């Protein structure tokens, strides 16, 4: 007998869904759930990227890049 309990459900490594041990081989990940799970796993990296963009846009180089982009953008047609 093992010192640890054998769980009846385990999380899918690709989508995080709780899957019965008996159904592990037949499990198919829902694409929407998989996307949500990947976004959850990347949350720190996404937050860091957003922070980096915000810092760049408040720097002198970033403000100049914004100014230049506004002047290079073609005018909107009505």
Protein backbone atom coordinates (compact mmCIF):
# COMPACT_ATOMS: atom_id res chain seq x y z
CA UNK A 1 0.00 0.00 0.00
CA UNK A 2 1.27 3.45 -0.92
CA UNK A 3 1.78 6.21 1.64
CA UNK A 4 0.08 8.65 -0.75
CA UNK A 5 -3.48 8.44 -2.00
CA UNK A 6 -3.98 7.69 -5.68
CA UNK A 7 -6.16 10.58 -6.93
CA UNK A 8 -9.17 9.78 -9.08
CA UNK A 9 -8.82 13.01 -11.07
CA UNK A 10 -5.74 14.84 -12.34
CA UNK A 11 -5.41 18.16 -14.16
CA UNK A 12 -4.77 17.99 -17.89
CA UNK A 13 -1.29 19.47 -18.53
CA UNK A 14 -2.51 21.19 -21.72
CA UNK A 15 -5.82 22.78 -20.62
CA UNK A 16 -5.95 22.39 -16.83
CA UNK A 17 -9.27 20.54 -16.86
CA UNK A 18 -9.85 17.99 -14.12
CA UNK A 19 -9.88 14.62 -15.90
CA UNK A 20 -10.75 11.24 -14.44
CA UNK A 21 -7.83 8.83 -14.42
CA UNK A 22 -9.95 6.38 -16.42
CA UNK A 23 -10.66 9.00 -19.13
CA UNK A 24 -7.11 10.41 -19.33
CA UNK A 25 -6.27 8.75 -22.67
CA UNK A 26 -9.53 9.82 -24.35
CA UNK A 27 -9.51 13.43 -23.14
CA UNK A 28 -9.75 16.11 -25.83
CA UNK A 29 -9.01 19.70 -24.78
CA UNK A 30 -11.61 22.38 -25.47
CA UNK A 31 -9.84 25.05 -27.58
CA UNK A 32 -11.35 27.94 -25.59
CA UNK A 33 -10.36 26.40 -22.26
CA UNK A 34 -6.86 25.73 -23.59
CA UNK A 35 -6.51 29.38 -24.65
CA UNK A 36 -7.70 30.56 -21.22
CA UNK A 37 -5.24 28.19 -19.52
CA UNK A 38 -2.34 29.43 -21.66
CA UNK A 39 -3.25 33.06 -20.92
CA UNK A 40 -3.33 32.21 -17.21
CA UNK A 41 0.11 30.62 -17.43
CA UNK A 42 1.50 33.66 -19.29
CA UNK A 43 -0.06 36.29 -17.02
CA UNK A 44 3.26 37.41 -15.49
CA UNK A 45 4.95 37.66 -18.88
CA UNK A 46 1.99 39.62 -20.30
CA UNK A 47 2.01 41.98 -17.32
CA UNK A 48 5.75 42.50 -17.75
CA UNK A 49 5.32 43.25 -21.45
CA UNK A 50 2.56 45.78 -20.73
CA UNK A 51 4.75 47.40 -18.08
CA UNK A 52 7.64 47.61 -20.53
CA UNK A 53 5.49 49.22 -23.23
CA UNK A 54 4.09 51.73 -20.73
CA UNK A 55 7.60 52.62 -19.54
CA UNK A 56 8.82 53.01 -23.12
CA UNK A 57 5.90 55.23 -24.11
CA UNK A 58 6.61 57.57 -21.18
CA UNK A 59 10.32 57.86 -22.06
CA UNK A 60 11.62 60.60 -24.39
CA UNK A 61 12.21 58.03 -27.18
CA UNK A 62 8.72 56.61 -26.74
CA UNK A 63 7.05 60.03 -26.76
CA UNK A 64 8.94 60.91 -29.95
CA UNK A 65 7.90 57.60 -31.55
CA UNK A 66 4.25 58.38 -30.73
CA UNK A 67 4.59 61.90 -32.14
CA UNK A 68 6.20 60.59 -35.33
CA UNK A 69 3.61 57.83 -35.77
CA UNK A 70 0.78 60.36 -35.49
CA UNK A 71 2.32 62.50 -38.23
CA UNK A 72 3.03 59.56 -40.55
CA UNK A 73 -0.47 58.13 -40.24
CA UNK A 74 -2.59 58.84 -43.33
CA UNK A 75 -5.65 61.03 -42.70
CA UNK A 76 -8.99 59.33 -42.06
CA UNK A 77 -11.46 59.48 -44.93
CA UNK A 78 -15.03 60.51 -44.16
